[in-house]
Amino acid sequence: MFLPFQEYPIARLESLLTILKVVAIPENRYFLRIVTMKTHRVLWSIAVATIASLSVALPSFARPATLIAQNSNSRINVRSTPSTNASSPHYGLAGDRVEVTRLQLGKDRYMWNYVKFTSGAKGWVRGDFVRYTEGMAKYVVLGGKPGDRINVRSAPSTSASSPHFGVEGDVVQLLTQKTGSDGYLWRYVKFPSGAQGWIRSDLIRAMEEGGC
């Protein structure tokens, strides 16, 4: 069974390239010369790609919440994008329990919650139809501009390595905070995978209820 090229360890690739050189057609010396010359370059490219892939995106936390409405019989639209103009392939009812994994400020200036139902259905619900469930855990949201990658660092410093990253709008659990040697206030957060790390406080915002 063959693995995709990028899944081969460097040692195995090196061995594989050696085998290719041995079993290649003897007459094709030009091909053998190219393989030999390119081996180092290929392995170097793989090493660079491997190092780059060590910084991986992490899934965000799911904060428990309940759908609310003035009329308990009202249908609450669950939209495909964070906008009142978007289609609503699903709907919920007041009292439905959901999990919030992302927040995003829409172009309509409403804060939208990306929710998941127990049925597995997912979509965007306007913030004034969502009430967060209170608990001991404290949740915050990664800030920045839409689509920004937020570094999760190994120590409270901009010079520390960042083995992970989150994305603007991700919900994470806040564990503690401290002021780093660089003078910034840093927050120590936890992702649902169990991964933990430090994020600069100006890249984190409070998770607040409400529509606008």
N, C-alpha and C. Protein backbone atom coordinates (compact mmCIF):
# COMPACT_ATOMS: atom_id res chain seq x y z
N MET A 1 0.85 -1.20 0.00
CA MET A 1 0.00 0.00 0.00
C MET A 1 0.88 1.24 0.00
N PHE A 2 0.63 2.12 -0.93
CA PHE A 2 1.46 3.31 -1.07
C PHE A 2 0.88 4.48 -0.31
N LEU A 3 1.74 5.23 0.35
CA LEU A 3 1.33 6.45 1.04
C LEU A 3 1.45 7.63 0.11
N PRO A 4 0.61 8.67 0.32
CA PRO A 4 0.81 9.90 -0.43
C PRO A 4 2.22 10.42 -0.22
N PHE A 5 2.77 11.08 -1.22
CA PHE A 5 4.17 11.52 -1.18
C PHE A 5 4.50 12.28 0.11
N GLN A 6 3.60 13.20 0.54
CA GLN A 6 3.93 14.04 1.67
C GLN A 6 3.90 13.30 3.00
N GLU A 7 3.39 12.04 3.01
CA GLU A 7 3.29 11.29 4.26
C GLU A 7 4.51 10.41 4.51
N TYR A 8 5.43 10.33 3.56
CA TYR A 8 6.62 9.54 3.77
C TYR A 8 7.60 10.26 4.68
N PRO A 9 8.12 9.59 5.73
CA PRO A 9 9.20 10.19 6.53
C PRO A 9 10.41 10.42 5.64
N ILE A 10 11.23 11.38 6.01
CA ILE A 10 12.41 11.71 5.21
C ILE A 10 13.32 10.50 5.04
N ALA A 11 13.53 9.74 6.14
CA ALA A 11 14.41 8.57 6.06
C ALA A 11 13.89 7.57 5.04
N ARG A 12 12.55 7.37 5.01
CA ARG A 12 11.99 6.41 4.08
C ARG A 12 12.10 6.92 2.65
N LEU A 13 11.93 8.22 2.45
CA LEU A 13 12.06 8.81 1.12
C LEU A 13 13.48 8.63 0.60
N GLU A 14 14.44 8.84 1.51
CA GLU A 14 15.84 8.70 1.12
C GLU A 14 16.10 7.27 0.67
N SER A 15 15.54 6.31 1.43
CA SER A 15 15.69 4.90 1.09
C SER A 15 15.00 4.61 -0.23
N LEU A 16 13.82 5.16 -0.43
CA LEU A 16 13.06 4.94 -1.65
C LEU A 16 13.81 5.46 -2.86
N LEU A 17 14.41 6.63 -2.75
CA LEU A 17 15.16 7.20 -3.85
C LEU A 17 16.38 6.34 -4.20
N THR A 18 17.00 5.75 -3.16
CA THR A 18 18.14 4.86 -3.38
C THR A 18 17.71 3.64 -4.18
N ILE A 19 16.55 3.06 -3.82
CA ILE A 19 16.03 1.89 -4.52
C ILE A 19 15.74 2.23 -5.98
N LEU A 20 15.14 3.40 -6.19
CA LEU A 20 14.83 3.83 -7.55
C LEU A 20 16.09 3.90 -8.40
N LYS A 21 17.19 4.34 -7.80
CA LYS A 21 18.45 4.46 -8.55
C LYS A 21 18.99 3.07 -8.91
N VAL A 22 18.75 2.08 -8.05
CA VAL A 22 19.27 0.73 -8.28
C VAL A 22 18.48 0.01 -9.36
N VAL A 23 17.14 0.12 -9.31
CA VAL A 23 16.31 -0.65 -10.24
C VAL A 23 16.05 0.08 -11.54
N ALA A 24 16.51 1.30 -11.68
CA ALA A 24 16.29 2.05 -12.91
C ALA A 24 16.99 1.36 -14.08
N ILE A 25 16.47 1.62 -15.27
CA ILE A 25 17.05 1.01 -16.47
C ILE A 25 18.49 1.49 -16.64
N PRO A 26 19.45 0.56 -16.75
CA PRO A 26 20.87 0.95 -16.82
C PRO A 26 21.17 1.93 -17.94
N GLU A 27 20.49 1.75 -19.09
CA GLU A 27 20.78 2.62 -20.22
C GLU A 27 20.39 4.08 -19.95
N ASN A 28 19.47 4.28 -19.02
CA ASN A 28 18.98 5.64 -18.78
C ASN A 28 19.87 6.35 -17.78
N ARG A 29 21.12 6.56 -18.15
CA ARG A 29 22.10 7.16 -17.24
C ARG A 29 21.77 8.62 -16.95
N TYR A 30 21.18 9.29 -17.95
CA TYR A 30 20.83 10.70 -17.74
C TYR A 30 19.78 10.82 -16.64
N PHE A 31 18.82 9.89 -16.63
CA PHE A 31 17.80 9.89 -15.59
C PHE A 31 18.43 9.64 -14.23
N LEU A 32 19.37 8.71 -14.16
CA LEU A 32 20.03 8.40 -12.89
C LEU A 32 20.80 9.60 -12.40
N ARG A 33 21.43 10.33 -13.27
CA ARG A 33 22.21 11.50 -12.89
C ARG A 33 21.29 12.58 -12.32
N ILE A 34 20.12 12.74 -12.93
CA ILE A 34 19.16 13.74 -12.44
C ILE A 34 18.67 13.38 -11.06
N VAL A 35 18.36 12.09 -10.85
CA VAL A 35 17.90 11.65 -9.54
C VAL A 35 18.95 11.93 -8.48
N THR A 36 20.20 11.62 -8.79
CA THR A 36 21.28 11.82 -7.84
C THR A 36 21.43 13.30 -7.49
N MET A 37 21.37 14.16 -8.52
CA MET A 37 21.57 15.59 -8.30
C MET A 37 20.39 16.20 -7.54
N LYS A 38 19.20 15.64 -7.77
CA LYS A 38 17.99 16.23 -7.19
C LYS A 38 17.67 15.68 -5.81
N THR A 39 18.31 14.59 -5.40
CA THR A 39 17.98 13.96 -4.13
C THR A 39 18.07 14.94 -2.97
N HIS A 40 19.19 15.64 -2.87
CA HIS A 40 19.39 16.57 -1.77
C HIS A 40 18.35 17.68 -1.81
N ARG A 41 18.06 18.17 -3.02
CA ARG A 41 17.11 19.27 -3.15
C ARG A 41 15.70 18.82 -2.74
N VAL A 42 15.33 17.60 -3.14
CA VAL A 42 14.01 17.06 -2.78
C VAL A 42 13.88 16.92 -1.27
N LEU A 43 14.90 16.33 -0.65
CA LEU A 43 14.86 16.12 0.80
C LEU A 43 14.82 17.45 1.54
N TRP A 44 15.55 18.43 1.04
CA TRP A 44 15.54 19.76 1.68
C TRP A 44 14.15 20.37 1.59
N SER A 45 13.51 20.24 0.41
CA SER A 45 12.16 20.79 0.24
C SER A 45 11.18 20.13 1.19
N ILE A 46 11.33 18.81 1.38
CA ILE A 46 10.45 18.08 2.29
C ILE A 46 10.66 18.55 3.72
N ALA A 47 11.93 18.76 4.09
CA ALA A 47 12.23 19.21 5.45
C ALA A 47 11.61 20.56 5.71
N VAL A 48 11.73 21.48 4.74
CA VAL A 48 11.14 22.81 4.90
C VAL A 48 9.64 22.72 5.05
N ALA A 49 9.02 21.89 4.21
CA ALA A 49 7.56 21.73 4.26
C ALA A 49 7.13 21.13 5.59
N THR A 50 7.94 20.18 6.10
CA THR A 50 7.62 19.55 7.39
C THR A 50 7.66 20.55 8.52
N ILE A 51 8.68 21.41 8.53
CA ILE A 51 8.79 22.43 9.58
C ILE A 51 7.62 23.39 9.50
N ALA A 52 7.25 23.79 8.28
CA ALA A 52 6.13 24.72 8.12
C ALA A 52 4.83 24.11 8.60
N SER A 53 4.68 22.77 8.41
CA SER A 53 3.43 22.12 8.78
C SER A 53 3.31 21.90 10.28
N LEU A 54 4.40 22.13 11.03
CA LEU A 54 4.33 21.94 12.48
C LEU A 54 3.40 22.97 13.13
N SER A 55 3.21 24.11 12.50
CA SER A 55 2.27 25.10 13.00
C SER A 55 0.91 24.77 12.43
N VAL A 56 0.06 24.17 13.24
CA VAL A 56 -1.22 23.65 12.75
C VAL A 56 -2.38 24.42 13.34
N ALA A 57 -3.45 24.51 12.55
CA ALA A 57 -4.67 25.16 13.03
C ALA A 57 -5.37 24.26 14.05
N LEU A 58 -5.94 24.86 15.05
CA LEU A 58 -6.62 24.11 16.09
C LEU A 58 -8.12 24.37 16.03
N PRO A 59 -8.93 23.35 16.33
CA PRO A 59 -10.37 23.59 16.38
C PRO A 59 -10.71 24.47 17.57
N SER A 60 -11.79 25.22 17.46
CA SER A 60 -12.18 26.11 18.56
C SER A 60 -13.08 25.37 19.55
N PHE A 61 -13.25 25.96 20.73
CA PHE A 61 -14.11 25.39 21.75
C PHE A 61 -15.57 25.57 21.36
N ALA A 62 -16.42 24.75 21.93
CA ALA A 62 -17.86 24.88 21.74
C ALA A 62 -18.46 25.33 23.07
N ARG A 63 -18.97 26.55 23.09
CA ARG A 63 -19.57 27.06 24.32
C ARG A 63 -21.05 26.74 24.34
N PRO A 64 -21.54 26.12 25.41
CA PRO A 64 -22.97 25.78 25.49
C PRO A 64 -23.83 27.04 25.48
N ALA A 65 -24.96 26.96 24.80
CA ALA A 65 -25.87 28.10 24.72
C ALA A 65 -27.29 27.60 24.47
N THR A 66 -28.23 28.52 24.57
CA THR A 66 -29.65 28.21 24.33
C THR A 66 -30.23 29.26 23.40
N LEU A 67 -31.08 28.84 22.47
CA LEU A 67 -31.75 29.80 21.59
C LEU A 67 -32.90 30.45 22.34
N ILE A 68 -33.08 31.75 22.14
CA ILE A 68 -34.13 32.51 22.81
C ILE A 68 -34.91 33.33 21.80
N ALA A 69 -36.15 33.69 22.15
CA ALA A 69 -36.99 34.53 21.30
C ALA A 69 -38.10 35.11 22.16
N GLN A 70 -38.65 36.25 21.74
CA GLN A 70 -39.75 36.86 22.49
C GLN A 70 -40.98 35.97 22.46
N ASN A 71 -41.22 35.36 21.32
CA ASN A 71 -42.33 34.41 21.18
C ASN A 71 -41.77 33.00 21.22
N SER A 72 -42.19 32.23 22.20
CA SER A 72 -41.62 30.90 22.39
C SER A 72 -41.91 29.96 21.22
N ASN A 73 -42.88 30.29 20.38
CA ASN A 73 -43.21 29.44 19.23
C ASN A 73 -42.54 29.90 17.94
N SER A 74 -41.75 30.95 18.04
CA SER A 74 -41.11 31.50 16.84
C SER A 74 -40.03 30.56 16.31
N ARG A 75 -39.92 30.53 14.99
CA ARG A 75 -38.82 29.81 14.36
C ARG A 75 -37.61 30.77 14.28
N ILE A 76 -36.46 30.25 14.65
CA ILE A 76 -35.24 31.05 14.62
C ILE A 76 -34.39 30.58 13.45
N ASN A 77 -34.18 31.47 12.50
CA ASN A 77 -33.45 31.10 11.29
C ASN A 77 -32.00 30.74 11.58
N VAL A 78 -31.56 29.66 10.97
CA VAL A 78 -30.15 29.24 11.03
C VAL A 78 -29.61 29.42 9.62
N ARG A 79 -28.77 30.42 9.43
CA ARG A 79 -28.39 30.84 8.08
C ARG A 79 -27.04 30.27 7.62
N SER A 80 -26.88 30.27 6.30
CA SER A 80 -25.68 29.68 5.71
C SER A 80 -24.46 30.58 5.84
N THR A 81 -24.66 31.88 5.98
CA THR A 81 -23.58 32.84 6.21
C THR A 81 -24.07 33.86 7.22
N PRO A 82 -23.15 34.62 7.86
CA PRO A 82 -23.56 35.58 8.89
C PRO A 82 -24.21 36.83 8.31
N SER A 83 -25.43 36.68 7.80
CA SER A 83 -26.15 37.80 7.21
C SER A 83 -27.64 37.49 7.18
N THR A 84 -28.47 38.50 7.40
CA THR A 84 -29.93 38.30 7.33
C THR A 84 -30.38 38.07 5.89
N ASN A 85 -29.50 38.33 4.94
CA ASN A 85 -29.83 38.09 3.53
C ASN A 85 -29.48 36.67 3.08
N ALA A 86 -28.80 35.93 3.92
CA ALA A 86 -28.37 34.58 3.54
C ALA A 86 -29.52 33.59 3.63
N SER A 87 -29.38 32.49 2.92
CA SER A 87 -30.40 31.44 2.98
C SER A 87 -30.42 30.81 4.37
N SER A 88 -31.56 30.22 4.73
CA SER A 88 -31.68 29.58 6.05
C SER A 88 -32.16 28.14 5.86
N PRO A 89 -31.20 27.23 5.60
CA PRO A 89 -31.56 25.83 5.36
C PRO A 89 -32.11 25.12 6.59
N HIS A 90 -31.88 25.70 7.77
CA HIS A 90 -32.38 25.11 9.02
C HIS A 90 -33.07 26.18 9.85
N TYR A 91 -33.77 25.73 10.86
CA TYR A 91 -34.30 26.67 11.86
C TYR A 91 -34.31 25.98 13.21
N GLY A 92 -34.29 26.80 14.26
CA GLY A 92 -34.38 26.28 15.62
C GLY A 92 -35.58 26.89 16.32
N LEU A 93 -35.80 26.46 17.54
CA LEU A 93 -36.90 26.97 18.35
C LEU A 93 -36.36 27.48 19.68
N ALA A 94 -37.06 28.43 20.27
CA ALA A 94 -36.64 28.93 21.57
C ALA A 94 -36.52 27.77 22.55
N GLY A 95 -35.41 27.73 23.27
CA GLY A 95 -35.17 26.64 24.21
C GLY A 95 -34.24 25.57 23.69
N ASP A 96 -34.01 25.56 22.37
CA ASP A 96 -33.09 24.57 21.80
C ASP A 96 -31.68 24.80 22.35
N ARG A 97 -31.03 23.69 22.70
CA ARG A 97 -29.65 23.76 23.17
C ARG A 97 -28.69 23.62 21.99
N VAL A 98 -27.71 24.50 21.96
CA VAL A 98 -26.73 24.49 20.88
C VAL A 98 -25.33 24.68 21.46
N GLU A 99 -24.34 24.52 20.61
CA GLU A 99 -22.95 24.82 20.98
C GLU A 99 -22.43 25.89 20.03
N VAL A 100 -21.83 26.93 20.59
CA VAL A 100 -21.29 28.03 19.79
C VAL A 100 -19.78 27.82 19.62
N THR A 101 -19.32 27.79 18.37
CA THR A 101 -17.89 27.57 18.11
C THR A 101 -17.20 28.78 17.51
N ARG A 102 -17.97 29.70 16.93
CA ARG A 102 -17.35 30.89 16.32
C ARG A 102 -18.26 32.09 16.47
N LEU A 103 -17.66 33.27 16.50
CA LEU A 103 -18.39 34.53 16.48
C LEU A 103 -17.85 35.38 15.35
N GLN A 104 -18.74 36.12 14.71
CA GLN A 104 -18.30 37.01 13.64
C GLN A 104 -19.25 38.20 13.54
N LEU A 105 -18.65 39.37 13.40
CA LEU A 105 -19.44 40.58 13.20
C LEU A 105 -19.81 40.66 11.73
N GLY A 106 -21.12 40.64 11.45
CA GLY A 106 -21.57 40.67 10.07
C GLY A 106 -21.54 42.07 9.47
N LYS A 107 -21.72 42.14 8.16
CA LYS A 107 -21.77 43.43 7.49
C LYS A 107 -22.98 44.24 7.93
N ASP A 108 -24.00 43.55 8.47
CA ASP A 108 -25.19 44.23 8.98
C ASP A 108 -24.98 44.77 10.40
N ARG A 109 -23.74 44.63 10.90
CA ARG A 109 -23.33 45.10 12.23
C ARG A 109 -23.90 44.26 13.36
N TYR A 110 -24.51 43.13 13.06
CA TYR A 110 -24.94 42.21 14.10
C TYR A 110 -23.80 41.23 14.41
N MET A 111 -23.73 40.80 15.66
CA MET A 111 -22.80 39.74 16.02
C MET A 111 -23.50 38.41 15.77
N TRP A 112 -22.84 37.56 15.01
CA TRP A 112 -23.42 36.27 14.64
C TRP A 112 -22.68 35.12 15.33
N ASN A 113 -23.43 34.10 15.69
CA ASN A 113 -22.89 32.91 16.35
C ASN A 113 -22.99 31.71 15.40
N TYR A 114 -21.87 31.01 15.23
CA TYR A 114 -21.92 29.76 14.46
C TYR A 114 -22.23 28.64 15.44
N VAL A 115 -23.39 28.02 15.25
CA VAL A 115 -23.87 27.06 16.24
C VAL A 115 -23.99 25.66 15.66
N LYS A 116 -23.97 24.70 16.56
CA LYS A 116 -24.17 23.30 16.20
C LYS A 116 -25.27 22.74 17.08
N PHE A 117 -26.26 22.09 16.45
CA PHE A 117 -27.36 21.47 17.16
C PHE A 117 -27.01 20.02 17.52
N THR A 118 -27.76 19.45 18.43
CA THR A 118 -27.52 18.05 18.81
C THR A 118 -27.75 17.11 17.63
N SER A 119 -28.55 17.55 16.66
CA SER A 119 -28.81 16.75 15.46
C SER A 119 -27.61 16.73 14.52
N GLY A 120 -26.67 17.66 14.75
CA GLY A 120 -25.52 17.80 13.86
C GLY A 120 -25.65 18.96 12.89
N ALA A 121 -26.85 19.53 12.78
CA ALA A 121 -27.05 20.69 11.90
C ALA A 121 -26.22 21.87 12.40
N LYS A 122 -25.70 22.66 11.46
CA LYS A 122 -24.84 23.80 11.80
C LYS A 122 -25.26 25.02 11.00
N GLY A 123 -24.95 26.19 11.52
CA GLY A 123 -25.22 27.41 10.78
C GLY A 123 -25.10 28.64 11.66
N TRP A 124 -25.39 29.80 11.08
CA TRP A 124 -25.22 31.08 11.77
C TRP A 124 -26.55 31.58 12.33
N VAL A 125 -26.51 31.99 13.60
CA VAL A 125 -27.69 32.55 14.28
C VAL A 125 -27.32 33.92 14.82
N ARG A 126 -28.20 34.89 14.61
CA ARG A 126 -27.93 36.25 15.08
C ARG A 126 -27.81 36.27 16.60
N GLY A 127 -26.91 37.13 17.08
CA GLY A 127 -26.55 37.12 18.50
C GLY A 127 -27.69 37.38 19.47
N ASP A 128 -28.72 38.16 19.05
CA ASP A 128 -29.81 38.45 19.98
C ASP A 128 -30.77 37.28 20.15
N PHE A 129 -30.51 36.16 19.45
CA PHE A 129 -31.31 34.95 19.61
C PHE A 129 -30.53 33.86 20.35
N VAL A 130 -29.39 34.24 20.93
CA VAL A 130 -28.54 33.25 21.60
C VAL A 130 -28.23 33.73 23.02
N ARG A 131 -28.36 32.82 23.97
CA ARG A 131 -27.98 33.11 25.36
C ARG A 131 -26.99 32.05 25.81
N TYR A 132 -25.83 32.49 26.25
CA TYR A 132 -24.79 31.55 26.68
C TYR A 132 -25.14 30.93 28.02
N THR A 133 -24.82 29.65 28.16
CA THR A 133 -25.05 28.94 29.42
C THR A 133 -23.93 29.29 30.39
N GLU A 134 -24.31 29.72 31.57
CA GLU A 134 -23.31 30.08 32.58
C GLU A 134 -22.64 28.83 33.14
N GLY A 135 -21.39 28.94 33.49
CA GLY A 135 -20.66 27.83 34.07
C GLY A 135 -19.37 28.32 34.69
N MET A 136 -18.59 27.40 35.20
CA MET A 136 -17.34 27.76 35.84
C MET A 136 -16.28 28.20 34.82
N ALA A 137 -16.33 27.59 33.63
CA ALA A 137 -15.33 27.90 32.63
C ALA A 137 -15.57 29.29 32.05
N LYS A 138 -14.47 29.98 31.74
CA LYS A 138 -14.56 31.30 31.13
C LYS A 138 -14.09 31.19 29.69
N TYR A 139 -14.92 31.70 28.78
CA TYR A 139 -14.61 31.61 27.36
C TYR A 139 -14.34 33.00 26.79
N VAL A 140 -13.45 33.04 25.81
CA VAL A 140 -13.14 34.28 25.11
C VAL A 140 -13.08 33.97 23.61
N VAL A 141 -12.97 35.02 22.82
CA VAL A 141 -12.96 34.89 21.37
C VAL A 141 -11.67 35.47 20.81
N LEU A 142 -11.08 34.79 19.84
CA LEU A 142 -9.88 35.32 19.20
C LEU A 142 -10.28 36.50 18.31
N GLY A 143 -9.52 37.60 18.44
CA GLY A 143 -9.85 38.81 17.71
C GLY A 143 -9.11 38.92 16.39
N GLY A 144 -8.97 40.16 15.91
CA GLY A 144 -8.32 40.38 14.63
C GLY A 144 -9.33 40.65 13.54
N LYS A 145 -8.85 40.62 12.31
CA LYS A 145 -9.72 40.83 11.16
C LYS A 145 -10.18 39.47 10.63
N PRO A 146 -11.32 39.42 9.94
CA PRO A 146 -11.82 38.14 9.41
C PRO A 146 -10.75 37.40 8.61
N GLY A 147 -10.54 36.14 8.99
CA GLY A 147 -9.56 35.31 8.30
C GLY A 147 -8.16 35.36 8.88
N ASP A 148 -7.90 36.25 9.84
CA ASP A 148 -6.57 36.36 10.44
C ASP A 148 -6.17 35.08 11.16
N ARG A 149 -4.89 34.69 11.02
CA ARG A 149 -4.34 33.59 11.81
C ARG A 149 -3.73 34.19 13.07
N ILE A 150 -4.11 33.63 14.22
CA ILE A 150 -3.63 34.13 15.51
C ILE A 150 -2.63 33.14 16.09
N ASN A 151 -1.40 33.59 16.29
CA ASN A 151 -0.36 32.70 16.82
C ASN A 151 -0.65 32.29 18.26
N VAL A 152 -0.47 31.01 18.53
CA VAL A 152 -0.56 30.46 19.88
C VAL A 152 0.86 30.10 20.28
N ARG A 153 1.43 30.86 21.20
CA ARG A 153 2.87 30.73 21.48
C ARG A 153 3.16 29.86 22.70
N SER A 154 4.39 29.35 22.73
CA SER A 154 4.82 28.45 23.79
C SER A 154 5.17 29.18 25.09
N ALA A 155 5.37 30.48 25.01
CA ALA A 155 5.68 31.31 26.18
C ALA A 155 5.09 32.70 25.93
N PRO A 156 4.89 33.48 27.01
CA PRO A 156 4.28 34.81 26.86
C PRO A 156 5.26 35.84 26.29
N SER A 157 5.59 35.66 25.02
CA SER A 157 6.54 36.55 24.36
C SER A 157 6.37 36.45 22.84
N THR A 158 6.52 37.56 22.14
CA THR A 158 6.42 37.54 20.69
C THR A 158 7.60 36.82 20.04
N SER A 159 8.66 36.59 20.82
CA SER A 159 9.82 35.88 20.28
C SER A 159 9.72 34.37 20.50
N ALA A 160 8.69 33.93 21.24
CA ALA A 160 8.52 32.50 21.50
C ALA A 160 7.98 31.79 20.25
N SER A 161 8.23 30.50 20.16
CA SER A 161 7.73 29.72 19.02
C SER A 161 6.21 29.65 19.06
N SER A 162 5.62 29.43 17.89
CA SER A 162 4.16 29.31 17.80
C SER A 162 3.80 28.00 17.11
N PRO A 163 3.75 26.89 17.86
CA PRO A 163 3.47 25.58 17.27
C PRO A 163 2.05 25.43 16.76
N HIS A 164 1.16 26.33 17.19
CA HIS A 164 -0.23 26.27 16.76
C HIS A 164 -0.70 27.65 16.34
N PHE A 165 -1.87 27.68 15.73
CA PHE A 165 -2.53 28.96 15.50
C PHE A 165 -4.03 28.77 15.51
N GLY A 166 -4.74 29.83 15.88
CA GLY A 166 -6.19 29.84 15.79
C GLY A 166 -6.60 30.80 14.69
N VAL A 167 -7.89 30.96 14.51
CA VAL A 167 -8.42 31.85 13.49
C VAL A 167 -9.37 32.85 14.14
N GLU A 168 -9.38 34.06 13.64
CA GLU A 168 -10.27 35.10 14.16
C GLU A 168 -11.68 34.55 14.31
N GLY A 169 -12.27 34.79 15.50
CA GLY A 169 -13.62 34.32 15.76
C GLY A 169 -13.69 33.00 16.51
N ASP A 170 -12.56 32.28 16.64
CA ASP A 170 -12.56 31.01 17.37
C ASP A 170 -12.87 31.25 18.85
N VAL A 171 -13.63 30.33 19.42
CA VAL A 171 -13.94 30.36 20.85
C VAL A 171 -12.94 29.48 21.57
N VAL A 172 -12.29 30.03 22.61
CA VAL A 172 -11.31 29.27 23.39
C VAL A 172 -11.60 29.47 24.88
N GLN A 173 -11.03 28.59 25.68
CA GLN A 173 -11.21 28.68 27.14
C GLN A 173 -10.03 29.43 27.75
N LEU A 174 -10.32 30.43 28.57
CA LEU A 174 -9.28 31.22 29.22
C LEU A 174 -8.91 30.57 30.55
N LEU A 175 -7.61 30.30 30.73
CA LEU A 175 -7.14 29.64 31.94
C LEU A 175 -6.47 30.61 32.91
N THR A 176 -5.58 31.45 32.40
CA THR A 176 -4.89 32.41 33.25
C THR A 176 -4.30 33.51 32.38
N GLN A 177 -3.63 34.47 33.01
CA GLN A 177 -2.99 35.55 32.26
C GLN A 177 -1.79 36.08 33.04
N LYS A 178 -0.88 36.72 32.32
CA LYS A 178 0.29 37.33 32.97
C LYS A 178 0.90 38.36 32.02
N THR A 179 1.67 39.26 32.60
CA THR A 179 2.38 40.24 31.80
C THR A 179 3.75 39.68 31.43
N GLY A 180 4.05 39.70 30.13
CA GLY A 180 5.31 39.15 29.66
C GLY A 180 6.45 40.13 29.78
N SER A 181 7.65 39.66 29.52
CA SER A 181 8.83 40.52 29.59
C SER A 181 8.81 41.60 28.52
N ASP A 182 7.96 41.44 27.49
CA ASP A 182 7.86 42.43 26.43
C ASP A 182 6.87 43.54 26.79
N GLY A 183 6.26 43.44 27.99
CA GLY A 183 5.33 44.46 28.45
C GLY A 183 3.89 44.22 28.05
N TYR A 184 3.62 43.22 27.22
CA TYR A 184 2.26 42.90 26.83
C TYR A 184 1.59 42.01 27.88
N LEU A 185 0.27 42.13 27.97
CA LEU A 185 -0.51 41.21 28.79
C LEU A 185 -0.85 40.01 27.91
N TRP A 186 -0.55 38.81 28.41
CA TRP A 186 -0.77 37.58 27.66
C TRP A 186 -1.83 36.72 28.34
N ARG A 187 -2.63 36.04 27.54
CA ARG A 187 -3.66 35.12 28.04
C ARG A 187 -3.26 33.69 27.69
N TYR A 188 -3.40 32.84 28.70
CA TYR A 188 -3.10 31.42 28.49
C TYR A 188 -4.43 30.72 28.21
N VAL A 189 -4.58 30.17 27.02
CA VAL A 189 -5.86 29.62 26.60
C VAL A 189 -5.75 28.13 26.27
N LYS A 190 -6.91 27.51 26.21
CA LYS A 190 -6.98 26.07 25.93
C LYS A 190 -7.95 25.83 24.78
N PHE A 191 -7.55 24.95 23.86
CA PHE A 191 -8.40 24.53 22.75
C PHE A 191 -9.02 23.17 23.08
N PRO A 192 -10.11 22.79 22.40
CA PRO A 192 -10.78 21.53 22.73
C PRO A 192 -9.92 20.30 22.49
N SER A 193 -8.89 20.41 21.66
CA SER A 193 -7.98 19.29 21.43
C SER A 193 -7.11 19.02 22.66
N GLY A 194 -7.11 19.99 23.60
CA GLY A 194 -6.23 19.90 24.76
C GLY A 194 -5.00 20.77 24.62
N ALA A 195 -4.73 21.23 23.41
CA ALA A 195 -3.58 22.12 23.18
C ALA A 195 -3.77 23.42 23.94
N GLN A 196 -2.67 23.94 24.49
CA GLN A 196 -2.71 25.17 25.26
C GLN A 196 -1.57 26.08 24.83
N GLY A 197 -1.72 27.35 25.07
CA GLY A 197 -0.65 28.27 24.73
C GLY A 197 -1.01 29.71 25.04
N TRP A 198 -0.07 30.59 24.75
CA TRP A 198 -0.21 32.00 25.10
C TRP A 198 -0.60 32.83 23.87
N ILE A 199 -1.58 33.73 24.06
CA ILE A 199 -2.00 34.65 23.01
C ILE A 199 -2.01 36.06 23.59
N ARG A 200 -1.49 37.00 22.84
CA ARG A 200 -1.44 38.39 23.30
C ARG A 200 -2.85 38.91 23.53
N SER A 201 -3.04 39.65 24.61
CA SER A 201 -4.38 40.05 25.02
C SER A 201 -5.10 40.93 24.01
N ASP A 202 -4.35 41.71 23.22
CA ASP A 202 -5.01 42.57 22.24
C ASP A 202 -5.56 41.78 21.05
N LEU A 203 -5.29 40.46 21.04
CA LEU A 203 -5.83 39.59 20.00
C LEU A 203 -6.95 38.72 20.54
N ILE A 204 -7.46 39.10 21.72
CA ILE A 204 -8.56 38.36 22.36
C ILE A 204 -9.63 39.36 22.79
N ARG A 205 -10.87 38.98 22.63
CA ARG A 205 -11.97 39.83 23.09
C ARG A 205 -12.94 39.01 23.92
N ALA A 206 -13.71 39.71 24.75
CA ALA A 206 -14.70 39.05 25.60
C ALA A 206 -15.81 38.46 24.75
N MET A 207 -16.36 37.37 25.22
CA MET A 207 -17.47 36.72 24.52
C MET A 207 -18.76 37.25 25.12
N GLU A 208 -19.36 38.21 24.45
CA GLU A 208 -20.54 38.89 24.99
C GLU A 208 -21.78 38.54 24.19
N GLU A 209 -22.90 38.53 24.87
CA GLU A 209 -24.17 38.27 24.22
C GLU A 209 -24.68 39.56 23.58
N GLY A 210 -25.65 39.39 22.68
CA GLY A 210 -26.28 40.56 22.10
C GLY A 210 -26.18 40.58 20.60
N GLY A 211 -27.03 41.35 19.97
CA GLY A 211 -27.09 41.36 18.52
C GLY A 211 -26.14 42.35 17.89
N CYS A 212 -25.96 43.54 18.47
CA CYS A 212 -25.15 44.56 17.81
C CYS A 212 -23.96 44.93 18.66
